[in-house]
Amino acid sequence: MNTKAKGSKGERELVKVFNENGWVCIRAAGSGSSRYPSPDVLAGNAMRRVAIECKVTAETKKYLLNEEIEQLRTFANKFGAEGWIGVKFPSEPWYFMMLEDIENTGKCWAVSVELAKRKGLTVEELLDKHNADLQRNI
């Protein structure tokens, strides 16, 4: 399976999870190929809206371009959504990182498995972020 197909499969997986957990969620097909900022996945419920840039990798570290981060930040700010990077590493669950928690290497941005485990949220935690925040502050 090629990289684009793996990414699309991962995005569809997330759409299913959000929709099956009481959220509404869509996948923005062709995101990243438009001249306008567009996240891969847009989800919301009565309380929250999230814009997610999804990355599936076979490596232990995923690099993101400055442009990808800025487009997500721009879209999320204009749309009134939380901007998140979702990363799926091999044999790991999805991890979701706030933009402020991603490592700035100077040339690009990076998320390692270790950083994701330390600062990221699982999909279950993202779906119930308020309770996850309370648990992390205990």
Protein backbone atom coordinates (compact mmCIF):
# COMPACT_ATOMS: atom_id res chain seq x y z
CA MET A 1 0.00 0.00 0.00
CA ASN A 2 1.47 3.37 -0.96
CA THR A 3 1.89 6.32 1.41
CA LYS A 4 -1.14 8.22 0.14
CA ALA A 5 -3.38 5.14 0.47
CA LYS A 6 -2.15 4.55 4.04
CA GLY A 7 -2.92 8.16 4.92
CA SER A 8 -6.39 8.00 3.38
CA LYS A 9 -7.11 4.74 5.22
CA GLY A 10 -6.02 6.33 8.50
CA GLU A 11 -8.22 9.38 7.89
CA ARG A 12 -11.25 7.16 7.17
CA GLU A 13 -10.52 5.21 10.36
CA LEU A 14 -10.65 8.44 12.39
CA VAL A 15 -13.87 9.59 10.70
CA LYS A 16 -15.47 6.30 11.74
CA VAL A 17 -14.24 6.60 15.35
CA PHE A 18 -15.52 10.17 15.76
CA ASN A 19 -18.90 9.41 14.17
CA GLU A 20 -19.36 6.26 16.28
CA ASN A 21 -18.69 8.27 19.45
CA GLY A 22 -21.38 10.91 19.06
CA TRP A 23 -19.41 13.46 17.06
CA VAL A 24 -19.94 14.49 13.45
CA CYS A 25 -16.86 14.17 11.30
CA ILE A 26 -15.80 14.57 7.69
CA ARG A 27 -12.65 13.87 5.74
CA ALA A 28 -11.50 16.67 3.47
CA ALA A 29 -10.45 14.74 0.38
CA GLY A 30 -7.61 16.46 -1.42
CA SER A 31 -6.48 18.41 1.62
CA GLY A 32 -2.94 19.59 1.17
CA SER A 33 -3.39 19.93 -2.58
CA SER A 34 -5.56 23.04 -2.37
CA ARG A 35 -4.15 26.54 -2.29
CA TYR A 36 -6.48 27.19 0.65
CA PRO A 37 -5.77 25.87 4.15
CA SER A 38 -7.66 22.62 4.74
CA PRO A 39 -7.23 19.97 7.45
CA ASP A 40 -7.46 16.26 6.69
CA VAL A 41 -10.30 15.71 9.17
CA LEU A 42 -12.84 18.11 10.65
CA ALA A 43 -14.92 16.92 13.62
CA GLY A 44 -17.22 18.46 16.16
CA ASN A 45 -19.93 18.04 18.71
CA ALA A 46 -22.11 20.51 20.62
CA MET A 47 -19.10 21.62 22.69
CA ARG A 48 -16.01 21.44 20.48
CA ARG A 49 -14.64 21.61 16.95
CA VAL A 50 -11.32 20.00 16.02
CA ALA A 51 -9.29 20.30 12.83
CA ILE A 52 -6.80 17.47 12.43
CA GLU A 53 -3.82 17.06 10.13
CA CYS A 54 -3.26 13.28 9.97
CA LYS A 55 0.05 11.53 9.49
CA VAL A 56 0.66 7.79 9.19
CA THR A 57 4.28 6.68 9.25
CA ALA A 58 6.37 3.52 9.30
CA GLU A 59 9.14 5.39 11.15
CA THR A 60 9.56 6.30 14.83
CA LYS A 61 9.62 10.01 14.05
CA LYS A 62 7.40 12.03 11.70
CA TYR A 63 8.53 15.33 10.22
CA LEU A 64 6.11 18.05 9.17
CA LEU A 65 6.75 21.05 6.97
CA ASN A 66 6.37 24.58 8.32
CA GLU A 67 3.68 25.14 5.68
CA GLU A 68 1.60 22.21 6.98
CA ILE A 69 1.67 23.59 10.52
CA GLU A 70 0.88 27.14 9.43
CA GLN A 71 -2.02 26.05 7.22
CA LEU A 72 -3.54 24.04 10.06
CA ARG A 73 -3.05 26.94 12.48
CA THR A 74 -4.65 29.38 10.00
CA PHE A 75 -7.63 27.13 9.29
CA ALA A 76 -8.24 26.34 12.97
CA ASN A 77 -8.07 30.01 13.98
CA LYS A 78 -10.42 31.18 11.23
CA PHE A 79 -12.84 28.29 11.76
CA GLY A 80 -12.82 28.53 15.55
CA ALA A 81 -11.51 24.98 15.95
CA GLU A 82 -8.75 23.37 17.95
CA GLY A 83 -5.82 22.48 15.70
CA TRP A 84 -4.33 19.01 16.25
CA ILE A 85 -1.74 16.81 14.58
CA GLY A 86 -2.78 13.15 14.59
CA VAL A 87 0.09 10.67 14.19
CA LYS A 88 -0.13 6.90 13.77
CA PHE A 89 3.14 5.05 14.37
CA PRO A 90 3.60 1.30 13.75
CA SER A 91 2.09 -0.89 16.51
CA GLU A 92 0.92 2.21 18.38
CA PRO A 93 -2.49 3.84 18.79
CA TRP A 94 -3.24 7.22 17.23
CA TYR A 95 -1.68 10.10 19.18
CA PHE A 96 -2.91 13.67 18.93
CA MET A 97 -0.58 16.57 19.54
CA MET A 98 -1.40 20.20 20.15
CA LEU A 99 0.59 22.44 17.85
CA GLU A 100 2.44 23.96 20.83
CA ASP A 101 3.74 20.51 21.84
CA ILE A 102 5.39 19.59 18.55
CA GLU A 103 9.18 19.84 18.39
CA ASN A 104 10.53 22.69 16.29
CA THR A 105 13.78 21.46 14.72
CA GLY A 106 14.53 24.86 13.17
CA LYS A 107 13.93 23.62 9.61
CA CYS A 108 10.68 21.75 10.20
CA TRP A 109 8.54 20.23 12.95
CA ALA A 110 8.80 16.72 14.37
CA VAL A 111 6.84 14.25 16.47
CA SER A 112 8.61 11.18 17.84
CA VAL A 113 6.93 8.17 19.42
CA GLU A 114 8.42 9.22 22.77
CA LEU A 115 7.11 12.79 22.50
CA ALA A 116 3.68 11.53 21.43
CA LYS A 117 3.49 9.17 24.40
CA ARG A 118 4.57 11.91 26.79
CA LYS A 119 2.53 14.87 25.54
CA GLY A 120 -0.04 13.47 23.14
CA LEU A 121 -3.59 12.30 23.72
CA THR A 122 -5.04 9.01 22.57
CA VAL A 123 -8.24 9.12 20.52
CA GLU A 124 -10.26 8.28 23.63
CA GLU A 125 -8.65 11.16 25.52
CA LEU A 126 -9.19 13.56 22.62
CA LEU A 127 -12.86 12.60 22.45
CA ASP A 128 -13.14 13.50 26.14
CA LYS A 129 -10.43 16.16 26.41
CA HIS A 130 -11.92 17.90 29.44
CA ASN A 131 -11.60 14.78 31.60
CA ALA A 132 -8.17 14.00 30.14
CA ASP A 133 -6.98 17.50 31.12
CA LEU A 134 -8.26 17.01 34.66
CA GLN A 135 -6.47 13.66 34.99
CA ARG A 136 -3.16 15.08 33.70
CA ASN A 137 -3.32 17.87 36.32
CA ILE A 138 -3.71 15.47 39.26
